[in-house]
């Protein structure tokens, strides 16, 4: 099924200018976390905070709206957010934790909840999962090479990065530099090549920019918990909402938009992952489940 199991899909944009001014797209993750914190749904969130090295994120336990907003924006290298779940629960005593992560990280969290080996009671503290759409991710060394060698921009001058329209885009010093996304493929992490999940199918809520115009986000609610929380946020005026039908491709359109575009990219990722897996299995690079267990 395209996009995995979900209850609703919509386009959203946060109304708070403090959030949209620093967010990547529609500010959905930041606004939703702040709302959940205000309403007592969560008492903290694991996010990709800013580290000391430019654009190398630091897994951060945010317990205030200010800390959540400070972590806004996409960083195109891995943030090991799962590594601090135990710290959030055992050291800071959080009882209702939100986890924001890429599809593979959300998958790990859900697997932890099913098989809590070495982490007894900790999965019970995870109150909300928000997944971020992900086509691929880069090592930090790879990301820096893309920025400095391909885009010809010092990494410490970058204010924003984004992927869209077949381009990797970097904003720095008041200008934007864009290179073809194909130039970045060799810097992708190997694990990304066998990942079939574009839209974080195992999250309570998943979101990303694919399928919506600049300043908006495509949002899926996947669980009753996620649907109920977003419904309350909408009723309280946190977001501006549009139907995804407003961005649907015209019948004769050469370029797909909306869910047509997202569906195309979702299929491409699933097909690519299967092809890579089959090729590696044929080479003996994967063992069978029987051997593993």
C-alpha atoms as a PDB file:
ATOM      1  CA  UNK A   1       0.000   0.000   0.000  1.00  0.00           C
ATOM      2  CA  UNK A   2       1.440   3.416  -0.936  1.00  0.00           C
ATOM      3  CA  UNK A   3       2.583   5.411   2.109  1.00  0.00           C
ATOM      4  CA  UNK A   4       1.785   2.548   4.500  1.00  0.00           C
ATOM      5  CA  UNK A   5      -1.290   2.472   6.726  1.00  0.00           C
ATOM      6  CA  UNK A   6      -2.725   5.853   7.640  1.00  0.00           C
ATOM      7  CA  UNK A   7      -5.948   7.443   8.825  1.00  0.00           C
ATOM      8  CA  UNK A   8      -5.746  10.903   7.243  1.00  0.00           C
ATOM      9  CA  UNK A   9      -3.453  12.912   5.005  1.00  0.00           C
ATOM     10  CA  UNK A  10      -3.456  16.701   4.702  1.00  0.00           C
ATOM     11  CA  UNK A  11      -1.332  19.783   4.055  1.00  0.00           C
ATOM     12  CA  UNK A  12      -0.502  21.907   7.081  1.00  0.00           C
ATOM     13  CA  UNK A  13       1.336  25.104   7.949  1.00  0.00           C
ATOM     14  CA  UNK A  14       1.941  26.399  11.465  1.00  0.00           C
ATOM     15  CA  UNK A  15       0.400  29.787  12.228  1.00  0.00           C
ATOM     16  CA  UNK A  16       3.007  30.924  14.759  1.00  0.00           C
ATOM     17  CA  UNK A  17       5.523  33.148  12.957  1.00  0.00           C
ATOM     18  CA  UNK A  18       8.153  32.381  15.610  1.00  0.00           C
ATOM     19  CA  UNK A  19       8.028  28.802  14.385  1.00  0.00           C
ATOM     20  CA  UNK A  20       7.613  29.302  10.640  1.00  0.00           C
ATOM     21  CA  UNK A  21      10.476  31.799  10.689  1.00  0.00           C
ATOM     22  CA  UNK A  22      12.974  29.109  11.664  1.00  0.00           C
ATOM     23  CA  UNK A  23      11.325  25.892  10.471  1.00  0.00           C
ATOM     24  CA  UNK A  24      12.215  23.844   7.408  1.00  0.00           C
ATOM     25  CA  UNK A  25       8.824  23.798   5.698  1.00  0.00           C
ATOM     26  CA  UNK A  26       5.447  24.180   7.387  1.00  0.00           C
ATOM     27  CA  UNK A  27       6.815  23.982  10.912  1.00  0.00           C
ATOM     28  CA  UNK A  28       4.586  21.017  11.702  1.00  0.00           C
ATOM     29  CA  UNK A  29       6.974  19.077  13.929  1.00  0.00           C
ATOM     30  CA  UNK A  30       8.007  22.102  15.985  1.00  0.00           C
ATOM     31  CA  UNK A  31       4.451  23.415  16.390  1.00  0.00           C
ATOM     32  CA  UNK A  32       3.050  20.006  17.271  1.00  0.00           C
ATOM     33  CA  UNK A  33       5.734  19.350  19.885  1.00  0.00           C
ATOM     34  CA  UNK A  34       5.160  22.768  21.479  1.00  0.00           C
ATOM     35  CA  UNK A  35       1.418  22.130  21.528  1.00  0.00           C
ATOM     36  CA  UNK A  36       1.827  18.645  23.026  1.00  0.00           C
ATOM     37  CA  UNK A  37       4.122  20.078  25.699  1.00  0.00           C
ATOM     38  CA  UNK A  38       1.630  22.838  26.561  1.00  0.00           C
ATOM     39  CA  UNK A  39      -1.214  20.327  26.873  1.00  0.00           C
ATOM     40  CA  UNK A  40       0.744  17.873  29.004  1.00  0.00           C
ATOM     41  CA  UNK A  41       0.677  15.157  26.352  1.00  0.00           C
ATOM     42  CA  UNK A  42       4.472  15.032  26.599  1.00  0.00           C
ATOM     43  CA  UNK A  43       6.977  16.319  29.131  1.00  0.00           C
ATOM     44  CA  UNK A  44       9.938  16.269  26.773  1.00  0.00           C
ATOM     45  CA  UNK A  45      11.034  15.489  23.221  1.00  0.00           C
ATOM     46  CA  UNK A  46      14.090  13.938  21.618  1.00  0.00           C
ATOM     47  CA  UNK A  47      15.114  16.194  18.741  1.00  0.00           C
ATOM     48  CA  UNK A  48      18.065  17.057  16.498  1.00  0.00           C
ATOM     49  CA  UNK A  49      19.624  19.956  18.342  1.00  0.00           C
ATOM     50  CA  UNK A  50      22.494  22.116  17.153  1.00  0.00           C
ATOM     51  CA  UNK A  51      25.929  20.769  18.020  1.00  0.00           C
ATOM     52  CA  UNK A  52      29.233  22.596  18.318  1.00  0.00           C
ATOM     53  CA  UNK A  53      30.306  21.530  14.811  1.00  0.00           C
ATOM     54  CA  UNK A  54      28.406  23.341  12.012  1.00  0.00           C
ATOM     55  CA  UNK A  55      25.514  21.185  10.745  1.00  0.00           C
ATOM     56  CA  UNK A  56      26.474  18.180  12.844  1.00  0.00           C
ATOM     57  CA  UNK A  57      23.335  17.669  14.953  1.00  0.00           C
ATOM     58  CA  UNK A  58      23.371  16.663  18.587  1.00  0.00           C
ATOM     59  CA  UNK A  59      20.677  14.389  20.050  1.00  0.00           C
ATOM     60  CA  UNK A  60      18.896  16.730  22.421  1.00  0.00           C
ATOM     61  CA  UNK A  61      16.377  16.192  25.204  1.00  0.00           C
ATOM     62  CA  UNK A  62      14.148  19.268  24.889  1.00  0.00           C
ATOM     63  CA  UNK A  63      11.860  20.025  27.825  1.00  0.00           C
ATOM     64  CA  UNK A  64      10.865  23.627  26.995  1.00  0.00           C
ATOM     65  CA  UNK A  65       9.284  25.303  23.993  1.00  0.00           C
ATOM     66  CA  UNK A  66      12.437  27.378  23.573  1.00  0.00           C
ATOM     67  CA  UNK A  67      14.579  24.248  23.307  1.00  0.00           C
ATOM     68  CA  UNK A  68      12.161  22.705  20.816  1.00  0.00           C
ATOM     69  CA  UNK A  69      12.155  25.805  18.602  1.00  0.00           C
ATOM     70  CA  UNK A  70      15.949  26.066  18.792  1.00  0.00           C
ATOM     71  CA  UNK A  71      16.177  22.602  17.217  1.00  0.00           C
ATOM     72  CA  UNK A  72      13.937  23.442  14.242  1.00  0.00           C
ATOM     73  CA  UNK A  73      15.142  22.767  10.702  1.00  0.00           C
ATOM     74  CA  UNK A  74      16.405  19.740   8.810  1.00  0.00           C
ATOM     75  CA  UNK A  75      19.988  18.544   9.155  1.00  0.00           C
ATOM     76  CA  UNK A  76      20.943  16.172   6.360  1.00  0.00           C
ATOM     77  CA  UNK A  77      23.145  13.908   8.428  1.00  0.00           C
ATOM     78  CA  UNK A  78      22.213  11.335  11.011  1.00  0.00           C
ATOM     79  CA  UNK A  79      21.255  12.413  14.508  1.00  0.00           C
ATOM     80  CA  UNK A  80      21.537   9.384  16.843  1.00  0.00           C
ATOM     81  CA  UNK A  81      18.393  10.308  18.728  1.00  0.00           C
ATOM     82  CA  UNK A  82      17.640   6.761  19.915  1.00  0.00           C
ATOM     83  CA  UNK A  83      20.911   6.761  21.856  1.00  0.00           C
ATOM     84  CA  UNK A  84      19.566   9.212  24.459  1.00  0.00           C
ATOM     85  CA  UNK A  85      16.202   7.590  25.196  1.00  0.00           C
ATOM     86  CA  UNK A  86      17.550   5.921  28.357  1.00  0.00           C
ATOM     87  CA  UNK A  87      19.089   9.206  29.517  1.00  0.00           C
ATOM     88  CA  UNK A  88      15.764  11.008  29.077  1.00  0.00           C
ATOM     89  CA  UNK A  89      13.913   8.432  31.158  1.00  0.00           C
ATOM     90  CA  UNK A  90      16.448   7.309  33.753  1.00  0.00           C
ATOM     91  CA  UNK A  91      18.481  10.472  34.312  1.00  0.00           C
ATOM     92  CA  UNK A  92      15.917  13.208  33.652  1.00  0.00           C
ATOM     93  CA  UNK A  93      12.903  11.245  34.817  1.00  0.00           C
ATOM     94  CA  UNK A  94      10.671  11.986  31.837  1.00  0.00           C
ATOM     95  CA  UNK A  95       7.428  10.032  31.871  1.00  0.00           C
ATOM     96  CA  UNK A  96       5.874  11.093  28.543  1.00  0.00           C
ATOM     97  CA  UNK A  97       8.492  11.309  25.838  1.00  0.00           C
ATOM     98  CA  UNK A  98       8.142  12.321  22.181  1.00  0.00           C
ATOM     99  CA  UNK A  99      10.663  10.965  19.694  1.00  0.00           C
ATOM    100  CA  UNK A 100      11.306  12.697  16.367  1.00  0.00           C
ATOM    101  CA  UNK A 101      13.264  10.684  13.838  1.00  0.00           C
ATOM    102  CA  UNK A 102      13.807   9.353  10.361  1.00  0.00           C
ATOM    103  CA  UNK A 103      11.908   6.235   9.239  1.00  0.00           C
ATOM    104  CA  UNK A 104      14.708   3.889  10.328  1.00  0.00           C
ATOM    105  CA  UNK A 105      14.827   5.481  13.775  1.00  0.00           C
ATOM    106  CA  UNK A 106      11.063   5.273  14.218  1.00  0.00           C
ATOM    107  CA  UNK A 107      11.270   1.639  13.196  1.00  0.00           C
ATOM    108  CA  UNK A 108      13.912   1.081  15.884  1.00  0.00           C
ATOM    109  CA  UNK A 109      11.722   2.738  18.520  1.00  0.00           C
ATOM    110  CA  UNK A 110       8.725   0.593  17.620  1.00  0.00           C
ATOM    111  CA  UNK A 111      10.883  -2.525  17.670  1.00  0.00           C
ATOM    112  CA  UNK A 112      12.143  -1.501  21.118  1.00  0.00           C
ATOM    113  CA  UNK A 113       8.539  -1.336  22.297  1.00  0.00           C
ATOM    114  CA  UNK A 114       7.895  -4.849  21.020  1.00  0.00           C
ATOM    115  CA  UNK A 115      11.169  -6.349  22.268  1.00  0.00           C
ATOM    116  CA  UNK A 116      12.375  -4.250  25.249  1.00  0.00           C
ATOM    117  CA  UNK A 117      15.603  -6.225  25.750  1.00  0.00           C
ATOM    118  CA  UNK A 118      17.897  -4.256  28.066  1.00  0.00           C
ATOM    119  CA  UNK A 119      15.400  -1.395  28.250  1.00  0.00           C
ATOM    120  CA  UNK A 120      12.612  -2.614  30.497  1.00  0.00           C
ATOM    121  CA  UNK A 121       9.929  -0.028  31.274  1.00  0.00           C
ATOM    122  CA  UNK A 122      11.555   2.562  28.997  1.00  0.00           C
ATOM    123  CA  UNK A 123       9.316   1.902  25.955  1.00  0.00           C
ATOM    124  CA  UNK A 124       6.269   2.623  28.152  1.00  0.00           C
ATOM    125  CA  UNK A 125       7.514   6.201  28.513  1.00  0.00           C
ATOM    126  CA  UNK A 126       7.340   6.903  24.763  1.00  0.00           C
ATOM    127  CA  UNK A 127       4.119   8.864  24.373  1.00  0.00           C
ATOM    128  CA  UNK A 128       4.459  10.090  20.776  1.00  0.00           C
ATOM    129  CA  UNK A 129       6.502   9.350  17.669  1.00  0.00           C
ATOM    130  CA  UNK A 130       6.830  11.823  14.805  1.00  0.00           C
ATOM    131  CA  UNK A 131       8.521  10.569  11.654  1.00  0.00           C
ATOM    132  CA  UNK A 132      10.260  12.686   9.038  1.00  0.00           C
ATOM    133  CA  UNK A 133      10.084  11.818   5.330  1.00  0.00           C
ATOM    134  CA  UNK A 134      13.507  10.635   4.188  1.00  0.00           C
ATOM    135  CA  UNK A 135      14.794   9.758   0.726  1.00  0.00           C
ATOM    136  CA  UNK A 136      18.363   9.230   1.943  1.00  0.00           C
ATOM    137  CA  UNK A 137      20.839  10.523   4.493  1.00  0.00           C
ATOM    138  CA  UNK A 138      24.536  11.374   4.453  1.00  0.00           C
ATOM    139  CA  UNK A 139      27.473  10.861   6.742  1.00  0.00           C
ATOM    140  CA  UNK A 140      28.773  14.151   8.108  1.00  0.00           C
ATOM    141  CA  UNK A 141      31.967  13.828   6.068  1.00  0.00           C
ATOM    142  CA  UNK A 142      29.846  13.243   2.962  1.00  0.00           C
ATOM    143  CA  UNK A 143      27.570  16.172   3.700  1.00  0.00           C
ATOM    144  CA  UNK A 144      30.520  18.486   4.205  1.00  0.00           C
ATOM    145  CA  UNK A 145      32.018  17.332   0.905  1.00  0.00           C
ATOM    146  CA  UNK A 146      28.738  18.061  -0.876  1.00  0.00           C
ATOM    147  CA  UNK A 147      28.586  21.561   0.598  1.00  0.00           C
ATOM    148  CA  UNK A 148      32.214  22.595   0.258  1.00  0.00           C
ATOM    149  CA  UNK A 149      33.423  20.691  -2.823  1.00  0.00           C
ATOM    150  CA  UNK A 150      30.266  20.603  -4.932  1.00  0.00           C
ATOM    151  CA  UNK A 151      28.349  23.692  -3.821  1.00  0.00           C
ATOM    152  CA  UNK A 152      31.604  25.618  -3.183  1.00  0.00           C
ATOM    153  CA  UNK A 153      30.282  27.078   0.068  1.00  0.00           C
ATOM    154  CA  UNK A 154      31.986  27.033   3.511  1.00  0.00           C
ATOM    155  CA  UNK A 155      29.943  24.776   5.760  1.00  0.00           C
ATOM    156  CA  UNK A 156      29.956  27.304   8.607  1.00  0.00           C
ATOM    157  CA  UNK A 157      28.292  29.924   6.376  1.00  0.00           C
ATOM    158  CA  UNK A 158      25.244  27.766   5.542  1.00  0.00           C
ATOM    159  CA  UNK A 159      21.914  28.935   6.970  1.00  0.00           C
ATOM    160  CA  UNK A 160      19.626  26.320   5.410  1.00  0.00           C
ATOM    161  CA  UNK A 161      19.669  23.201   3.243  1.00  0.00           C
ATOM    162  CA  UNK A 162      16.863  21.484   1.384  1.00  0.00           C
ATOM    163  CA  UNK A 163      16.196  18.888  -1.284  1.00  0.00           C
ATOM    164  CA  UNK A 164      13.533  19.470  -3.919  1.00  0.00           C
ATOM    165  CA  UNK A 165      12.923  19.491  -7.641  1.00  0.00           C
ATOM    166  CA  UNK A 166      15.819  17.135  -8.237  1.00  0.00           C
ATOM    167  CA  UNK A 167      18.234  19.575  -6.602  1.00  0.00           C
ATOM    168  CA  UNK A 168      20.277  19.783  -3.422  1.00  0.00           C
ATOM    169  CA  UNK A 169      19.997  23.412  -2.342  1.00  0.00           C
ATOM    170  CA  UNK A 170      22.181  25.362   0.047  1.00  0.00           C
ATOM    171  CA  UNK A 171      21.473  28.875   1.315  1.00  0.00           C
ATOM    172  CA  UNK A 172      24.455  30.893   2.522  1.00  0.00           C
ATOM    173  CA  UNK A 173      25.461  34.556   2.642  1.00  0.00           C
ATOM    174  CA  UNK A 174      22.165  35.668   1.156  1.00  0.00           C
ATOM    175  CA  UNK A 175      22.349  33.467  -1.920  1.00  0.00           C
ATOM    176  CA  UNK A 176      21.242  29.986  -2.925  1.00  0.00           C
ATOM    177  CA  UNK A 177      23.414  27.371  -4.609  1.00  0.00           C
ATOM    178  CA  UNK A 178      21.764  24.319  -6.171  1.00  0.00           C
ATOM    179  CA  UNK A 179      23.375  21.202  -7.612  1.00  0.00           C
ATOM    180  CA  UNK A 180      21.741  18.150  -9.244  1.00  0.00           C
ATOM    181  CA  UNK A 181      20.770  15.608  -6.627  1.00  0.00           C
ATOM    182  CA  UNK A 182      22.523  12.918  -8.667  1.00  0.00           C
ATOM    183  CA  UNK A 183      25.846  14.468  -7.622  1.00  0.00           C
ATOM    184  CA  UNK A 184      25.085  13.570  -3.999  1.00  0.00           C
ATOM    185  CA  UNK A 185      24.186   9.903  -4.427  1.00  0.00           C
ATOM    186  CA  UNK A 186      27.722   8.612  -3.872  1.00  0.00           C
ATOM    187  CA  UNK A 187      27.727  10.207  -0.415  1.00  0.00           C
ATOM    188  CA  UNK A 188      24.588   8.437   0.791  1.00  0.00           C
ATOM    189  CA  UNK A 189      24.900   6.073   3.728  1.00  0.00           C
ATOM    190  CA  UNK A 190      24.916   2.447   2.630  1.00  0.00           C
ATOM    191  CA  UNK A 191      21.968   1.526   4.830  1.00  0.00           C
ATOM    192  CA  UNK A 192      19.779   3.947   2.913  1.00  0.00           C
ATOM    193  CA  UNK A 193      20.056   1.789  -0.196  1.00  0.00           C
ATOM    194  CA  UNK A 194      18.056  -1.039   1.365  1.00  0.00           C
ATOM    195  CA  UNK A 195      15.524   1.178   3.156  1.00  0.00           C
ATOM    196  CA  UNK A 196      12.048   1.012   1.625  1.00  0.00           C
ATOM    197  CA  UNK A 197      10.337   3.530   3.926  1.00  0.00           C
ATOM    198  CA  UNK A 198      10.043   7.067   2.588  1.00  0.00           C
ATOM    199  CA  UNK A 199       7.197   8.358   4.732  1.00  0.00           C
ATOM    200  CA  UNK A 200       7.938   6.971   8.224  1.00  0.00           C
ATOM    201  CA  UNK A 201       5.156   4.408   8.065  1.00  0.00           C
ATOM    202  CA  UNK A 202       5.502   3.297  11.703  1.00  0.00           C
ATOM    203  CA  UNK A 203       5.129   6.728  13.340  1.00  0.00           C
ATOM    204  CA  UNK A 204       2.054   8.127  15.066  1.00  0.00           C
ATOM    205  CA  UNK A 205       2.338  11.142  12.750  1.00  0.00           C
ATOM    206  CA  UNK A 206       4.670  11.535   9.791  1.00  0.00           C
ATOM    207  CA  UNK A 207       5.464  14.640   7.793  1.00  0.00           C
ATOM    208  CA  UNK A 208       7.661  16.096   5.089  1.00  0.00           C
ATOM    209  CA  UNK A 209       7.769  18.590   2.259  1.00  0.00           C
ATOM    210  CA  UNK A 210       7.233  16.229  -0.681  1.00  0.00           C
ATOM    211  CA  UNK A 211       3.861  16.865  -2.309  1.00  0.00           C
ATOM    212  CA  UNK A 212       3.254  20.357  -0.964  1.00  0.00           C
ATOM    213  CA  UNK A 213       4.521  23.793  -2.045  1.00  0.00           C
ATOM    214  CA  UNK A 214       7.133  25.827  -0.208  1.00  0.00           C
ATOM    215  CA  UNK A 215       6.066  26.745   3.306  1.00  0.00           C
ATOM    216  CA  UNK A 216       3.725  23.768   3.669  1.00  0.00           C
ATOM    217  CA  UNK A 217       4.083  20.170   4.837  1.00  0.00           C
ATOM    218  CA  UNK A 218       2.382  16.928   3.896  1.00  0.00           C
ATOM    219  CA  UNK A 219       1.124  15.229   7.057  1.00  0.00           C
ATOM    220  CA  UNK A 220      -0.118  11.682   7.703  1.00  0.00           C
ATOM    221  CA  UNK A 221      -1.845  10.600  10.896  1.00  0.00           C
ATOM    222  CA  UNK A 222      -1.245   6.883  11.302  1.00  0.00           C
ATOM    223  CA  UNK A 223      -2.545   5.956  14.747  1.00  0.00           C
ATOM    224  CA  UNK A 224      -5.570   6.938  16.816  1.00  0.00           C
ATOM    225  CA  UNK A 225      -3.201   8.722  19.187  1.00  0.00           C
ATOM    226  CA  UNK A 226      -1.736  10.767  16.356  1.00  0.00           C
ATOM    227  CA  UNK A 227      -5.098  11.530  14.798  1.00  0.00           C
ATOM    228  CA  UNK A 228      -6.622  12.699  18.076  1.00  0.00           C
ATOM    229  CA  UNK A 229      -3.675  14.953  18.935  1.00  0.00           C
ATOM    230  CA  UNK A 230      -3.666  16.612  15.529  1.00  0.00           C
ATOM    231  CA  UNK A 231      -7.444  17.072  15.598  1.00  0.00           C
ATOM    232  CA  UNK A 232      -7.153  18.932  18.909  1.00  0.00           C
ATOM    233  CA  UNK A 233      -4.313  21.078  17.570  1.00  0.00           C
ATOM    234  CA  UNK A 234      -6.378  21.985  14.521  1.00  0.00           C
ATOM    235  CA  UNK A 235      -9.411  22.793  16.671  1.00  0.00           C
ATOM    236  CA  UNK A 236      -7.217  25.096  18.761  1.00  0.00           C
ATOM    237  CA  UNK A 237      -6.027  26.958  15.681  1.00  0.00           C
ATOM    238  CA  UNK A 238      -2.401  25.826  15.700  1.00  0.00           C
ATOM    239  CA  UNK A 239      -2.304  25.093  11.959  1.00  0.00           C
ATOM    240  CA  UNK A 240      -3.640  26.304   8.650  1.00  0.00           C
ATOM    241  CA  UNK A 241      -4.973  23.293   6.762  1.00  0.00           C
ATOM    242  CA  UNK A 242      -5.558  22.416   3.115  1.00  0.00           C
ATOM    243  CA  UNK A 243      -6.692  19.271   1.356  1.00  0.00           C
ATOM    244  CA  UNK A 244      -4.026  17.430  -0.603  1.00  0.00           C
ATOM    245  CA  UNK A 245      -6.483  17.471  -3.519  1.00  0.00           C
ATOM    246  CA  UNK A 246      -5.575  21.140  -3.988  1.00  0.00           C
ATOM    247  CA  UNK A 247      -2.115  20.046  -5.115  1.00  0.00           C
ATOM    248  CA  UNK A 248      -3.204  17.130  -7.292  1.00  0.00           C
ATOM    249  CA  UNK A 249      -1.538  16.777 -10.692  1.00  0.00           C
ATOM    250  CA  UNK A 250      -3.560  17.851 -13.704  1.00  0.00           C
ATOM    251  CA  UNK A 251      -4.476  14.901 -15.980  1.00  0.00           C
ATOM    252  CA  UNK A 252      -2.100  16.106 -18.710  1.00  0.00           C
ATOM    253  CA  UNK A 253       0.628  17.416 -16.424  1.00  0.00           C
ATOM    254  CA  UNK A 254       4.192  16.515 -17.365  1.00  0.00           C
ATOM    255  CA  UNK A 255       5.388  17.161 -13.812  1.00  0.00           C
ATOM    256  CA  UNK A 256       3.576  15.393 -10.988  1.00  0.00           C
ATOM    257  CA  UNK A 257       2.560  17.192  -7.816  1.00  0.00           C
ATOM    258  CA  UNK A 258       0.765  16.424  -4.546  1.00  0.00           C
ATOM    259  CA  UNK A 259       0.179  12.811  -3.596  1.00  0.00           C
ATOM    260  CA  UNK A 260       0.907  11.792  -7.200  1.00  0.00           C
ATOM    261  CA  UNK A 261       4.486  12.981  -6.757  1.00  0.00           C
ATOM    262  CA  UNK A 262       4.794  11.495  -3.284  1.00  0.00           C
ATOM    263  CA  UNK A 263       3.407   8.180  -4.516  1.00  0.00           C
ATOM    264  CA  UNK A 264       5.891   8.117  -7.379  1.00  0.00           C
ATOM    265  CA  UNK A 265       8.816   8.758  -5.048  1.00  0.00           C
ATOM    266  CA  UNK A 266       7.520   6.227  -2.522  1.00  0.00           C
ATOM    267  CA  UNK A 267       7.396   3.548  -5.217  1.00  0.00           C
ATOM    268  CA  UNK A 268      10.851   4.481  -6.481  1.00  0.00           C
ATOM    269  CA  UNK A 269      12.331   4.044  -3.008  1.00  0.00           C
ATOM    270  CA  UNK A 270      10.615   0.712  -2.449  1.00  0.00           C
ATOM    271  CA  UNK A 271      11.661  -0.574  -5.883  1.00  0.00           C
ATOM    272  CA  UNK A 272      15.246   0.610  -5.420  1.00  0.00           C
ATOM    273  CA  UNK A 273      15.488  -1.019  -2.008  1.00  0.00           C
ATOM    274  CA  UNK A 274      14.173  -4.345  -3.290  1.00  0.00           C
ATOM    275  CA  UNK A 275      16.528  -4.277  -6.267  1.00  0.00           C
ATOM    276  CA  UNK A 276      19.522  -3.532  -4.042  1.00  0.00           C
ATOM    277  CA  UNK A 277      18.513  -6.190  -1.524  1.00  0.00           C
ATOM    278  CA  UNK A 278      18.070  -8.833  -4.240  1.00  0.00           C
ATOM    279  CA  UNK A 279      21.427  -7.955  -5.805  1.00  0.00           C
ATOM    280  CA  UNK A 280      23.251  -8.191  -2.478  1.00  0.00           C
ATOM    281  CA  UNK A 281      21.475 -11.384  -1.517  1.00  0.00           C
ATOM    282  CA  UNK A 282      22.516 -12.948  -4.822  1.00  0.00           C
ATOM    283  CA  UNK A 283      26.121 -12.054  -3.945  1.00  0.00           C
ATOM    284  CA  UNK A 284      25.769 -13.726  -0.541  1.00  0.00           C
ATOM    285  CA  UNK A 285      25.913 -10.462   1.368  1.00  0.00           C
ATOM    286  CA  UNK A 286      22.700 -11.136   3.320  1.00  0.00           C
ATOM    287  CA  UNK A 287      22.046 -14.108   5.571  1.00  0.00           C
ATOM    288  CA  UNK A 288      18.628 -15.668   5.911  1.00  0.00           C
ATOM    289  CA  UNK A 289      16.401 -15.261   8.985  1.00  0.00           C
ATOM    290  CA  UNK A 290      16.935 -18.991   9.707  1.00  0.00           C
ATOM    291  CA  UNK A 291      20.650 -18.375  10.206  1.00  0.00           C
ATOM    292  CA  UNK A 292      20.029 -15.267  12.321  1.00  0.00           C
ATOM    293  CA  UNK A 293      17.598 -17.031  14.613  1.00  0.00           C
END
